[in-house]
Each structure stands twice: as structure tokens, then as C-alpha cells.
């Protein structure tokens, strides 16, 4: 994928809409799936980098206190403690998608 040509809010407006959130030990992959659906963006994982760090996505549980949040803020908050991050990218047709990778990989590719 490539960096968006438009601003992030124009590329993926659903990521910036506020919603009520309250999570208590919920599987991270379920939250990512829900965020992807609400933002109307496909989600892809950098399994090579995630596996290289020994991160077991399917075993990660996350919590988030009751409050309003944007999907982009929620993702940042939930991924960071596990050594991961997200990147908004576009495909060949200019459609947005979320790339879930490790912080280490994201820093190398800056």
C-alpha cells in the first residue's frame, strides 16, 4: 500500500467519528474487526513482523474505560502496549485500508 493522497479524515472518515466505548478484557482481534467495520475499511496484518516479535494476536485481551473515542484513537491506545501500531494506506484504486504492524517495523519504514 501507499500513503494516502488525501488527508486521513478524507481518506477514512469513519476512523474519526466518535463512538461510545467500554471494553473489559475483550479479544483484540474482535475490537479490530469491529473498528474495521465501523470505519468501513478493510484490515490487513503484517503477520511476518508480528510473528517475528512473538506476538500472539489471538491471545491478546484489551480493556478501555467507558468514554467516547474515535476509532483511530482507540486503535492507537489498544495496539501500542502490545508493541503494535496501525497505518492508514491506500491500494491501487485509491481505496483506504488499515495496515496493522509492529512499532519496530513502522519505525524502520519511516
PDB file of N, CA and C in Angstrom:
ATOM      1  N   UNK A   1       0.807  -1.190   0.000  1.00  0.00           N
ATOM      2  CA  UNK A   1       0.000   0.000   0.000  1.00  0.00           C
ATOM      3  C   UNK A   1       0.851   1.254   0.000  1.00  0.00           C
ATOM      4  N   UNK A   2       0.196   2.381  -0.248  1.00  0.00           N
ATOM      5  CA  UNK A   2       0.862   3.671  -0.330  1.00  0.00           C
ATOM      6  C   UNK A   2       0.259   4.656   0.653  1.00  0.00           C
ATOM      7  N   UNK A   3       0.968   5.740   0.879  1.00  0.00           N
ATOM      8  CA  UNK A   3       0.433   6.802   1.724  1.00  0.00           C
ATOM      9  C   UNK A   3      -0.764   7.431   1.012  1.00  0.00           C
ATOM     10  N   UNK A   4      -1.793   7.793   1.772  1.00  0.00           N
ATOM     11  CA  UNK A   4      -2.978   8.421   1.152  1.00  0.00           C
ATOM     12  C   UNK A   4      -2.615   9.739   0.462  1.00  0.00           C
ATOM     13  N   UNK A   5      -3.283   9.976  -0.666  1.00  0.00           N
ATOM     14  CA  UNK A   5      -3.081  11.237  -1.383  1.00  0.00           C
ATOM     15  C   UNK A   5      -3.876  12.358  -0.729  1.00  0.00           C
ATOM     16  N   UNK A   6      -5.024  12.005  -0.154  1.00  0.00           N
ATOM     17  CA  UNK A   6      -5.861  12.971   0.551  1.00  0.00           C
ATOM     18  C   UNK A   6      -5.536  12.928   2.033  1.00  0.00           C
ATOM     19  N   UNK A   7      -6.078  13.845   2.796  1.00  0.00           N
ATOM     20  CA  UNK A   7      -5.873  13.819   4.243  1.00  0.00           C
ATOM     21  C   UNK A   7      -6.468  12.530   4.819  1.00  0.00           C
ATOM     22  N   UNK A   8      -6.000  12.145   5.989  1.00  0.00           N
ATOM     23  CA  UNK A   8      -6.514  10.927   6.619  1.00  0.00           C
ATOM     24  C   UNK A   8      -8.020  11.009   6.877  1.00  0.00           C
ATOM     25  N   UNK A   9      -8.558  12.142   7.377  1.00  0.00           N
ATOM     26  CA  UNK A   9     -10.019  12.209   7.572  1.00  0.00           C
ATOM     27  C   UNK A   9     -10.810  12.095   6.262  1.00  0.00           C
ATOM     28  N   UNK A  10     -10.251  12.553   5.160  1.00  0.00           N
ATOM     29  CA  UNK A  10     -10.951  12.426   3.877  1.00  0.00           C
ATOM     30  C   UNK A  10     -10.814  11.022   3.309  1.00  0.00           C
ATOM     31  N   UNK A  11      -9.687  10.380   3.572  1.00  0.00           N
ATOM     32  CA  UNK A  11      -9.461   9.019   3.087  1.00  0.00           C
ATOM     33  C   UNK A  11     -10.318   8.022   3.847  1.00  0.00           C
ATOM     34  N   UNK A  12     -10.441   8.228   5.156  1.00  0.00           N
ATOM     35  CA  UNK A  12     -11.175   7.276   6.007  1.00  0.00           C
ATOM     36  C   UNK A  12     -11.966   8.027   7.069  1.00  0.00           C
ATOM     37  N   UNK A  13     -13.060   8.690   6.681  1.00  0.00           N
ATOM     38  CA  UNK A  13     -13.809   9.491   7.650  1.00  0.00           C
ATOM     39  C   UNK A  13     -14.330   8.684   8.836  1.00  0.00           C
ATOM     40  N   UNK A  14     -14.620   7.414   8.640  1.00  0.00           N
ATOM     41  CA  UNK A  14     -15.140   6.588   9.727  1.00  0.00           C
ATOM     42  C   UNK A  14     -14.169   6.419  10.883  1.00  0.00           C
ATOM     43  N   UNK A  15     -12.879   6.569  10.630  1.00  0.00           N
ATOM     44  CA  UNK A  15     -11.879   6.461  11.694  1.00  0.00           C
ATOM     45  C   UNK A  15     -11.945   7.637  12.660  1.00  0.00           C
ATOM     46  N   UNK A  16     -12.525   8.729  12.218  1.00  0.00           N
ATOM     47  CA  UNK A  16     -12.501   9.957  13.001  1.00  0.00           C
ATOM     48  C   UNK A  16     -13.847  10.306  13.626  1.00  0.00           C
ATOM     49  N   UNK A  17     -14.833   9.431  13.462  1.00  0.00           N
ATOM     50  CA  UNK A  17     -16.135   9.637  14.087  1.00  0.00           C
ATOM     51  C   UNK A  17     -16.086   9.142  15.528  1.00  0.00           C
ATOM     52  N   UNK A  18     -16.742   9.855  16.420  1.00  0.00           N
ATOM     53  CA  UNK A  18     -16.765   9.462  17.823  1.00  0.00           C
ATOM     54  C   UNK A  18     -17.833   8.398  18.066  1.00  0.00           C
ATOM     55  N   UNK A  19     -17.526   7.502  18.977  1.00  0.00           N
ATOM     56  CA  UNK A  19     -18.465   6.461  19.393  1.00  0.00           C
ATOM     57  C   UNK A  19     -18.239   6.173  20.875  1.00  0.00           C
ATOM     58  N   UNK A  20     -19.232   5.607  21.518  1.00  0.00           N
ATOM     59  CA  UNK A  20     -19.092   5.228  22.921  1.00  0.00           C
ATOM     60  C   UNK A  20     -18.367   3.889  23.006  1.00  0.00           C
ATOM     61  N   UNK A  21     -17.387   3.828  23.897  1.00  0.00           N
ATOM     62  CA  UNK A  21     -16.580   2.619  24.044  1.00  0.00           C
ATOM     63  C   UNK A  21     -16.523   2.233  25.514  1.00  0.00           C
ATOM     64  N   UNK A  22     -16.584   0.945  25.775  1.00  0.00           N
ATOM     65  CA  UNK A  22     -16.413   0.408  27.122  1.00  0.00           C
ATOM     66  C   UNK A  22     -15.998  -1.047  26.962  1.00  0.00           C
ATOM     67  N   UNK A  23     -14.721  -1.344  27.144  1.00  0.00           N
ATOM     68  CA  UNK A  23     -14.202  -2.691  26.930  1.00  0.00           C
ATOM     69  C   UNK A  23     -13.557  -3.220  28.203  1.00  0.00           C
ATOM     70  N   UNK A  24     -13.829  -4.460  28.510  1.00  0.00           N
ATOM     71  CA  UNK A  24     -13.213  -5.105  29.669  1.00  0.00           C
ATOM     72  C   UNK A  24     -12.753  -6.499  29.256  1.00  0.00           C
ATOM     73  N   UNK A  25     -11.448  -6.635  29.058  1.00  0.00           N
ATOM     74  CA  UNK A  25     -10.826  -7.913  28.688  1.00  0.00           C
ATOM     75  C   UNK A  25     -11.518  -8.559  27.482  1.00  0.00           C
ATOM     76  N   UNK A  26     -11.502  -7.816  26.392  1.00  0.00           N
ATOM     77  CA  UNK A  26     -12.104  -8.249  25.130  1.00  0.00           C
ATOM     78  C   UNK A  26     -10.962  -8.656  24.198  1.00  0.00           C
ATOM     79  N   UNK A  27     -11.135  -9.709  23.392  1.00  0.00           N
ATOM     80  CA  UNK A  27     -10.079 -10.071  22.448  1.00  0.00           C
ATOM     81  C   UNK A  27      -9.758  -8.910  21.496  1.00  0.00           C
ATOM     82  N   UNK A  28      -8.475  -8.602  21.366  1.00  0.00           N
ATOM     83  CA  UNK A  28      -8.046  -7.505  20.498  1.00  0.00           C
ATOM     84  C   UNK A  28      -8.523  -7.714  19.067  1.00  0.00           C
ATOM     85  N   UNK A  29      -8.463  -8.943  18.566  1.00  0.00           N
ATOM     86  CA  UNK A  29      -8.881  -9.176  17.178  1.00  0.00           C
ATOM     87  C   UNK A  29     -10.357  -8.851  16.975  1.00  0.00           C
ATOM     88  N   UNK A  30     -11.193  -9.052  17.991  1.00  0.00           N
ATOM     89  CA  UNK A  30     -12.612  -8.702  17.883  1.00  0.00           C
ATOM     90  C   UNK A  30     -12.782  -7.189  17.814  1.00  0.00           C
ATOM     91  N   UNK A  31     -11.999  -6.454  18.597  1.00  0.00           N
ATOM     92  CA  UNK A  31     -12.056  -4.992  18.572  1.00  0.00           C
ATOM     93  C   UNK A  31     -11.585  -4.482  17.216  1.00  0.00           C
ATOM     94  N   UNK A  32     -10.514  -5.057  16.683  1.00  0.00           N
ATOM     95  CA  UNK A  32     -10.003  -4.642  15.373  1.00  0.00           C
ATOM     96  C   UNK A  32     -11.031  -4.908  14.283  1.00  0.00           C
ATOM     97  N   UNK A  33     -11.704  -6.037  14.365  1.00  0.00           N
ATOM     98  CA  UNK A  33     -12.738  -6.370  13.388  1.00  0.00           C
ATOM     99  C   UNK A  33     -13.898  -5.376  13.462  1.00  0.00           C
ATOM    100  N   UNK A  34     -14.316  -5.044  14.676  1.00  0.00           N
ATOM    101  CA  UNK A  34     -15.395  -4.068  14.860  1.00  0.00           C
ATOM    102  C   UNK A  34     -14.974  -2.691  14.349  1.00  0.00           C
ATOM    103  N   UNK A  35     -13.756  -2.281  14.674  1.00  0.00           N
ATOM    104  CA  UNK A  35     -13.253  -0.976  14.213  1.00  0.00           C
ATOM    105  C   UNK A  35     -13.207  -0.930  12.696  1.00  0.00           C
ATOM    106  N   UNK A  36     -12.772  -2.006  12.083  1.00  0.00           N
ATOM    107  CA  UNK A  36     -12.716  -2.090  10.626  1.00  0.00           C
ATOM    108  C   UNK A  36     -14.117  -1.922  10.023  1.00  0.00           C
ATOM    109  N   UNK A  37     -15.094  -2.591  10.621  1.00  0.00           N
ATOM    110  CA  UNK A  37     -16.474  -2.482  10.126  1.00  0.00           C
ATOM    111  C   UNK A  37     -17.050  -1.087  10.297  1.00  0.00           C
ATOM    112  N   UNK A  38     -16.835  -0.498  11.463  1.00  0.00           N
ATOM    113  CA  UNK A  38     -17.373   0.853  11.709  1.00  0.00           C
ATOM    114  C   UNK A  38     -16.712   1.897  10.820  1.00  0.00           C
ATOM    115  N   UNK A  39     -15.419   1.720  10.570  1.00  0.00           N
ATOM    116  CA  UNK A  39     -14.694   2.682   9.739  1.00  0.00           C
ATOM    117  C   UNK A  39     -14.869   2.387   8.251  1.00  0.00           C
ATOM    118  N   UNK A  40     -15.483   1.232   7.953  1.00  0.00           N
ATOM    119  CA  UNK A  40     -15.688   0.807   6.563  1.00  0.00           C
ATOM    120  C   UNK A  40     -14.356   0.705   5.822  1.00  0.00           C
ATOM    121  N   UNK A  41     -13.386   0.095   6.503  1.00  0.00           N
ATOM    122  CA  UNK A  41     -12.052  -0.095   5.935  1.00  0.00           C
ATOM    123  C   UNK A  41     -11.620  -1.543   6.101  1.00  0.00           C
ATOM    124  N   UNK A  42     -11.079  -2.143   5.045  1.00  0.00           N
ATOM    125  CA  UNK A  42     -10.505  -3.470   5.231  1.00  0.00           C
ATOM    126  C   UNK A  42      -9.282  -3.388   6.146  1.00  0.00           C
ATOM    127  N   UNK A  43      -8.966  -4.500   6.730  1.00  0.00           N
ATOM    128  CA  UNK A  43      -7.901  -4.579   7.713  1.00  0.00           C
ATOM    129  C   UNK A  43      -6.936  -5.675   7.281  1.00  0.00           C
ATOM    130  N   UNK A  44      -5.641  -5.359   7.269  1.00  0.00           N
ATOM    131  CA  UNK A  44      -4.617  -6.335   6.906  1.00  0.00           C
ATOM    132  C   UNK A  44      -3.534  -6.332   7.971  1.00  0.00           C
ATOM    133  N   UNK A  45      -2.992  -7.516   8.228  1.00  0.00           N
ATOM    134  CA  UNK A  45      -1.985  -7.672   9.267  1.00  0.00           C
ATOM    135  C   UNK A  45      -0.623  -7.975   8.654  1.00  0.00           C
ATOM    136  N   UNK A  46       0.398  -7.398   9.227  1.00  0.00           N
ATOM    137  CA  UNK A  46       1.784  -7.674   8.856  1.00  0.00           C
ATOM    138  C   UNK A  46       2.233  -8.877   9.687  1.00  0.00           C
ATOM    139  N   UNK A  47       1.726 -10.062   9.330  1.00  0.00           N
ATOM    140  CA  UNK A  47       1.985 -11.261  10.124  1.00  0.00           C
ATOM    141  C   UNK A  47       3.470 -11.583  10.227  1.00  0.00           C
ATOM    142  N   UNK A  48       4.226 -11.291   9.199  1.00  0.00           N
ATOM    143  CA  UNK A  48       5.665 -11.562   9.237  1.00  0.00           C
ATOM    144  C   UNK A  48       6.313 -10.837  10.416  1.00  0.00           C
ATOM    145  N   UNK A  49       6.060  -9.545  10.542  1.00  0.00           N
ATOM    146  CA  UNK A  49       6.647  -8.747  11.629  1.00  0.00           C
ATOM    147  C   UNK A  49       6.029  -9.088  12.987  1.00  0.00           C
ATOM    148  N   UNK A  50       4.726  -9.295  13.010  1.00  0.00           N
ATOM    149  CA  UNK A  50       4.038  -9.606  14.266  1.00  0.00           C
ATOM    150  C   UNK A  50       4.538 -10.943  14.828  1.00  0.00           C
ATOM    151  N   UNK A  51       4.636 -11.948  13.968  1.00  0.00           N
ATOM    152  CA  UNK A  51       5.130 -13.253  14.401  1.00  0.00           C
ATOM    153  C   UNK A  51       6.596 -13.197  14.815  1.00  0.00           C
ATOM    154  N   UNK A  52       7.383 -12.383  14.121  1.00  0.00           N
ATOM    155  CA  UNK A  52       8.811 -12.284  14.438  1.00  0.00           C
ATOM    156  C   UNK A  52       9.042 -11.781  15.863  1.00  0.00           C
ATOM    157  N   UNK A  53       8.124 -10.982  16.386  1.00  0.00           N
ATOM    158  CA  UNK A  53       8.243 -10.488  17.757  1.00  0.00           C
ATOM    159  C   UNK A  53       7.563 -11.406  18.772  1.00  0.00           C
ATOM    160  N   UNK A  54       6.989 -12.497  18.290  1.00  0.00           N
ATOM    161  CA  UNK A  54       6.335 -13.446  19.193  1.00  0.00           C
ATOM    162  C   UNK A  54       4.989 -12.968  19.709  1.00  0.00           C
ATOM    163  N   UNK A  55       4.381 -12.024  19.016  1.00  0.00           N
ATOM    164  CA  UNK A  55       3.065 -11.514  19.428  1.00  0.00           C
ATOM    165  C   UNK A  55       2.004 -12.504  18.962  1.00  0.00           C
ATOM    166  N   UNK A  56       1.198 -12.967  19.894  1.00  0.00           N
ATOM    167  CA  UNK A  56       0.122 -13.902  19.562  1.00  0.00           C
ATOM    168  C   UNK A  56      -1.200 -13.135  19.578  1.00  0.00           C
ATOM    169  N   UNK A  57      -1.571 -12.612  18.423  1.00  0.00           N
ATOM    170  CA  UNK A  57      -2.757 -11.756  18.300  1.00  0.00           C
ATOM    171  C   UNK A  57      -4.003 -12.368  18.912  1.00  0.00           C
ATOM    172  N   UNK A  58      -4.230 -13.637  18.634  1.00  0.00           N
ATOM    173  CA  UNK A  58      -5.464 -14.270  19.085  1.00  0.00           C
ATOM    174  C   UNK A  58      -5.554 -14.417  20.597  1.00  0.00           C
ATOM    175  N   UNK A  59      -4.444 -14.216  21.305  1.00  0.00           N
ATOM    176  CA  UNK A  59      -4.449 -14.348  22.768  1.00  0.00           C
ATOM    177  C   UNK A  59      -4.520 -13.009  23.501  1.00  0.00           C
ATOM    178  N   UNK A  60      -4.389 -11.914  22.769  1.00  0.00           N
ATOM    179  CA  UNK A  60      -4.352 -10.599  23.406  1.00  0.00           C
ATOM    180  C   UNK A  60      -5.745 -10.128  23.813  1.00  0.00           C
ATOM    181  N   UNK A  61      -5.861  -9.717  25.072  1.00  0.00           N
ATOM    182  CA  UNK A  61      -7.101  -9.137  25.595  1.00  0.00           C
ATOM    183  C   UNK A  61      -6.845  -7.672  25.906  1.00  0.00           C
ATOM    184  N   UNK A  62      -7.852  -6.837  25.643  1.00  0.00           N
ATOM    185  CA  UNK A  62      -7.698  -5.403  25.867  1.00  0.00           C
ATOM    186  C   UNK A  62      -8.876  -4.856  26.666  1.00  0.00           C
ATOM    187  N   UNK A  63      -8.611  -3.752  27.353  1.00  0.00           N
ATOM    188  CA  UNK A  63      -9.652  -3.045  28.110  1.00  0.00           C
ATOM    189  C   UNK A  63      -9.555  -1.561  27.776  1.00  0.00           C
ATOM    190  N   UNK A  64     -10.676  -0.901  27.890  1.00  0.00           N
ATOM    191  CA  UNK A  64     -10.745   0.543  27.625  1.00  0.00           C
ATOM    192  C   UNK A  64     -11.895   1.084  28.464  1.00  0.00           C
ATOM    193  N   UNK A  65     -11.654   2.124  29.255  1.00  0.00           N
ATOM    194  CA  UNK A  65     -12.718   2.641  30.136  1.00  0.00           C
ATOM    195  C   UNK A  65     -13.869   3.255  29.339  1.00  0.00           C
ATOM    196  N   UNK A  66     -15.016   3.313  29.966  1.00  0.00           N
ATOM    197  CA  UNK A  66     -16.186   3.874  29.305  1.00  0.00           C
ATOM    198  C   UNK A  66     -15.963   5.352  29.003  1.00  0.00           C
ATOM    199  N   UNK A  67     -16.012   5.671  27.721  1.00  0.00           N
ATOM    200  CA  UNK A  67     -15.927   7.056  27.250  1.00  0.00           C
ATOM    201  C   UNK A  67     -16.107   7.090  25.746  1.00  0.00           C
ATOM    202  N   UNK A  68     -16.207   8.296  25.240  1.00  0.00           N
ATOM    203  CA  UNK A  68     -16.320   8.484  23.794  1.00  0.00           C
ATOM    204  C   UNK A  68     -14.914   8.513  23.203  1.00  0.00           C
ATOM    205  N   UNK A  69     -14.768   7.896  22.045  1.00  0.00           N
ATOM    206  CA  UNK A  69     -13.460   7.850  21.400  1.00  0.00           C
ATOM    207  C   UNK A  69     -13.646   7.716  19.895  1.00  0.00           C
ATOM    208  N   UNK A  70     -12.625   8.114  19.164  1.00  0.00           N
ATOM    209  CA  UNK A  70     -12.601   7.854  17.725  1.00  0.00           C
ATOM    210  C   UNK A  70     -11.963   6.492  17.522  1.00  0.00           C
ATOM    211  N   UNK A  71     -12.253   5.860  16.418  1.00  0.00           N
ATOM    212  CA  UNK A  71     -11.650   4.560  16.132  1.00  0.00           C
ATOM    213  C   UNK A  71     -10.133   4.680  16.013  1.00  0.00           C
ATOM    214  N   UNK A  72      -9.657   5.759  15.434  1.00  0.00           N
ATOM    215  CA  UNK A  72      -8.210   5.914  15.264  1.00  0.00           C
ATOM    216  C   UNK A  72      -7.516   6.071  16.625  1.00  0.00           C
ATOM    217  N   UNK A  73      -8.132   6.792  17.535  1.00  0.00           N
ATOM    218  CA  UNK A  73      -7.571   6.941  18.877  1.00  0.00           C
ATOM    219  C   UNK A  73      -7.636   5.641  19.655  1.00  0.00           C
ATOM    220  N   UNK A  74      -8.728   4.928  19.509  1.00  0.00           N
ATOM    221  CA  UNK A  74      -8.892   3.646  20.181  1.00  0.00           C
ATOM    222  C   UNK A  74      -7.827   2.656  19.702  1.00  0.00           C
ATOM    223  N   UNK A  75      -7.636   2.582  18.398  1.00  0.00           N
ATOM    224  CA  UNK A  75      -6.632   1.665  17.856  1.00  0.00           C
ATOM    225  C   UNK A  75      -5.239   1.993  18.388  1.00  0.00           C
ATOM    226  N   UNK A  76      -4.904   3.257  18.373  1.00  0.00           N
ATOM    227  CA  UNK A  76      -3.586   3.674  18.871  1.00  0.00           C
ATOM    228  C   UNK A  76      -3.407   3.239  20.321  1.00  0.00           C
ATOM    229  N   UNK A  77      -4.405   3.498  21.140  1.00  0.00           N
ATOM    230  CA  UNK A  77      -4.334   3.185  22.567  1.00  0.00           C
ATOM    231  C   UNK A  77      -4.259   1.680  22.823  1.00  0.00           C
ATOM    232  N   UNK A  78      -4.981   0.883  22.060  1.00  0.00           N
ATOM    233  CA  UNK A  78      -5.015  -0.554  22.302  1.00  0.00           C
ATOM    234  C   UNK A  78      -3.827  -1.307  21.702  1.00  0.00           C
ATOM    235  N   UNK A  79      -3.294  -0.830  20.600  1.00  0.00           N
ATOM    236  CA  UNK A  79      -2.189  -1.520  19.940  1.00  0.00           C
ATOM    237  C   UNK A  79      -0.830  -1.222  20.580  1.00  0.00           C
ATOM    238  N   UNK A  80      -0.618   0.013  20.996  1.00  0.00           N
ATOM    239  CA  UNK A  80       0.693   0.452  21.483  1.00  0.00           C
ATOM    240  C   UNK A  80       1.264  -0.406  22.621  1.00  0.00           C
ATOM    241  N   UNK A  81       0.490  -0.734  23.653  1.00  0.00           N
ATOM    242  CA  UNK A  81       1.062  -1.532  24.752  1.00  0.00           C
ATOM    243  C   UNK A  81       1.541  -2.919  24.321  1.00  0.00           C
ATOM    244  N   UNK A  82       1.087  -3.377  23.173  1.00  0.00           N
ATOM    245  CA  UNK A  82       1.471  -4.696  22.674  1.00  0.00           C
ATOM    246  C   UNK A  82       2.558  -4.599  21.598  1.00  0.00           C
ATOM    247  N   UNK A  83       3.157  -3.415  21.474  1.00  0.00           N
ATOM    248  CA  UNK A  83       4.243  -3.233  20.511  1.00  0.00           C
ATOM    249  C   UNK A  83       3.779  -3.140  19.077  1.00  0.00           C
ATOM    250  N   UNK A  84       2.509  -2.736  18.893  1.00  0.00           N
ATOM    251  CA  UNK A  84       1.970  -2.647  17.536  1.00  0.00           C
ATOM    252  C   UNK A  84       1.416  -1.250  17.259  1.00  0.00           C
ATOM    253  N   UNK A  85       1.169  -1.016  15.997  1.00  0.00           N
ATOM    254  CA  UNK A  85       0.587   0.238  15.559  1.00  0.00           C
ATOM    255  C   UNK A  85      -0.231  -0.023  14.290  1.00  0.00           C
ATOM    256  N   UNK A  86      -0.865   1.014  13.800  1.00  0.00           N
ATOM    257  CA  UNK A  86      -1.630   0.905  12.560  1.00  0.00           C
ATOM    258  C   UNK A  86      -1.162   1.993  11.609  1.00  0.00           C
ATOM    259  N   UNK A  87      -1.356   1.741  10.350  1.00  0.00           N
ATOM    260  CA  UNK A  87      -1.070   2.721   9.315  1.00  0.00           C
ATOM    261  C   UNK A  87      -2.258   2.752   8.367  1.00  0.00           C
ATOM    262  N   UNK A  88      -2.691   3.946   8.029  1.00  0.00           N
ATOM    263  CA  UNK A  88      -3.727   4.102   7.015  1.00  0.00           C
ATOM    264  C   UNK A  88      -3.004   4.171   5.680  1.00  0.00           C
ATOM    265  N   UNK A  89      -3.370   3.284   4.771  1.00  0.00           N
ATOM    266  CA  UNK A  89      -2.742   3.229   3.452  1.00  0.00           C
ATOM    267  C   UNK A  89      -3.834   3.177   2.396  1.00  0.00           C
ATOM    268  N   UNK A  90      -3.430   3.323   1.133  1.00  0.00           N
ATOM    269  CA  UNK A  90      -4.369   3.189   0.023  1.00  0.00           C
ATOM    270  C   UNK A  90      -3.867   2.106  -0.929  1.00  0.00           C
ATOM    271  N   UNK A  91      -4.819   1.511  -1.650  1.00  0.00           N
ATOM    272  CA  UNK A  91      -4.463   0.496  -2.635  1.00  0.00           C
ATOM    273  C   UNK A  91      -4.343   1.135  -4.024  1.00  0.00           C
ATOM    274  N   UNK A  92      -4.231   0.292  -5.034  1.00  0.00           N
ATOM    275  CA  UNK A  92      -4.046   0.778  -6.406  1.00  0.00           C
ATOM    276  C   UNK A  92      -5.196   1.644  -6.903  1.00  0.00           C
ATOM    277  N   UNK A  93      -6.403   1.411  -6.388  1.00  0.00           N
ATOM    278  CA  UNK A  93      -7.564   2.205  -6.795  1.00  0.00           C
ATOM    279  C   UNK A  93      -7.789   3.422  -5.897  1.00  0.00           C
ATOM    280  N   UNK A  94      -6.890   3.649  -4.959  1.00  0.00           N
ATOM    281  CA  UNK A  94      -7.024   4.796  -4.067  1.00  0.00           C
ATOM    282  C   UNK A  94      -7.943   4.560  -2.888  1.00  0.00           C
ATOM    283  N   UNK A  95      -8.361   3.300  -2.677  1.00  0.00           N
ATOM    284  CA  UNK A  95      -9.235   2.968  -1.543  1.00  0.00           C
ATOM    285  C   UNK A  95      -8.386   2.741  -0.296  1.00  0.00           C
ATOM    286  N   UNK A  96      -8.869   3.253   0.819  1.00  0.00           N
ATOM    287  CA  UNK A  96      -8.144   3.131   2.070  1.00  0.00           C
ATOM    288  C   UNK A  96      -8.235   1.755   2.692  1.00  0.00           C
ATOM    289  N   UNK A  97      -7.203   1.409   3.459  1.00  0.00           N
ATOM    290  CA  UNK A  97      -7.220   0.213   4.288  1.00  0.00           C
ATOM    291  C   UNK A  97      -6.295   0.429   5.475  1.00  0.00           C
ATOM    292  N   UNK A  98      -6.500  -0.374   6.515  1.00  0.00           N
ATOM    293  CA  UNK A  98      -5.657  -0.295   7.703  1.00  0.00           C
ATOM    294  C   UNK A  98      -4.634  -1.412   7.683  1.00  0.00           C
ATOM    295  N   UNK A  99      -3.386  -1.062   7.908  1.00  0.00           N
ATOM    296  CA  UNK A  99      -2.272  -1.993   7.969  1.00  0.00           C
ATOM    297  C   UNK A  99      -1.835  -2.071   9.428  1.00  0.00           C
ATOM    298  N   UNK A 100      -1.960  -3.252  10.033  1.00  0.00           N
ATOM    299  CA  UNK A 100      -1.567  -3.451  11.419  1.00  0.00           C
ATOM    300  C   UNK A 100      -0.182  -4.080  11.412  1.00  0.00           C
ATOM    301  N   UNK A 101       0.786  -3.408  12.026  1.00  0.00           N
ATOM    302  CA  UNK A 101       2.161  -3.872  12.040  1.00  0.00           C
ATOM    303  C   UNK A 101       2.770  -3.622  13.412  1.00  0.00           C
ATOM    304  N   UNK A 102       4.042  -3.907  13.538  1.00  0.00           N
ATOM    305  CA  UNK A 102       4.721  -3.658  14.806  1.00  0.00           C
ATOM    306  C   UNK A 102       5.280  -2.243  14.823  1.00  0.00           C
ATOM    307  N   UNK A 103       5.480  -1.714  16.012  1.00  0.00           N
ATOM    308  CA  UNK A 103       6.100  -0.391  16.135  1.00  0.00           C
ATOM    309  C   UNK A 103       7.488  -0.410  15.519  1.00  0.00           C
ATOM    310  N   UNK A 104       8.209  -1.480  15.754  1.00  0.00           N
ATOM    311  CA  UNK A 104       9.565  -1.618  15.236  1.00  0.00           C
ATOM    312  C   UNK A 104       9.581  -1.535  13.706  1.00  0.00           C
ATOM    313  N   UNK A 105       8.693  -2.261  13.051  1.00  0.00           N
ATOM    314  CA  UNK A 105       8.619  -2.250  11.595  1.00  0.00           C
ATOM    315  C   UNK A 105       8.201  -0.873  11.080  1.00  0.00           C
ATOM    316  N   UNK A 106       7.257  -0.248  11.752  1.00  0.00           N
ATOM    317  CA  UNK A 106       6.781   1.075  11.326  1.00  0.00           C
ATOM    318  C   UNK A 106       7.900   2.107  11.427  1.00  0.00           C
ATOM    319  N   UNK A 107       8.713   2.030  12.454  1.00  0.00           N
ATOM    320  CA  UNK A 107       9.822   2.973  12.609  1.00  0.00           C
ATOM    321  C   UNK A 107      10.898   2.747  11.545  1.00  0.00           C
ATOM    322  N   UNK A 108      11.152   1.505  11.193  1.00  0.00           N
ATOM    323  CA  UNK A 108      12.145   1.208  10.148  1.00  0.00           C
ATOM    324  C   UNK A 108      11.715   1.742   8.795  1.00  0.00           C
ATOM    325  N   UNK A 109      10.410   1.769   8.545  1.00  0.00           N
ATOM    326  CA  UNK A 109       9.902   2.148   7.213  1.00  0.00           C
ATOM    327  C   UNK A 109       9.557   3.619   7.097  1.00  0.00           C
ATOM    328  N   UNK A 110       9.921   4.411   8.066  1.00  0.00           N
ATOM    329  CA  UNK A 110       9.618   5.851   8.009  1.00  0.00           C
ATOM    330  C   UNK A 110      10.470   6.547   7.006  1.00  0.00           C
TER     331      UNK A 110
END
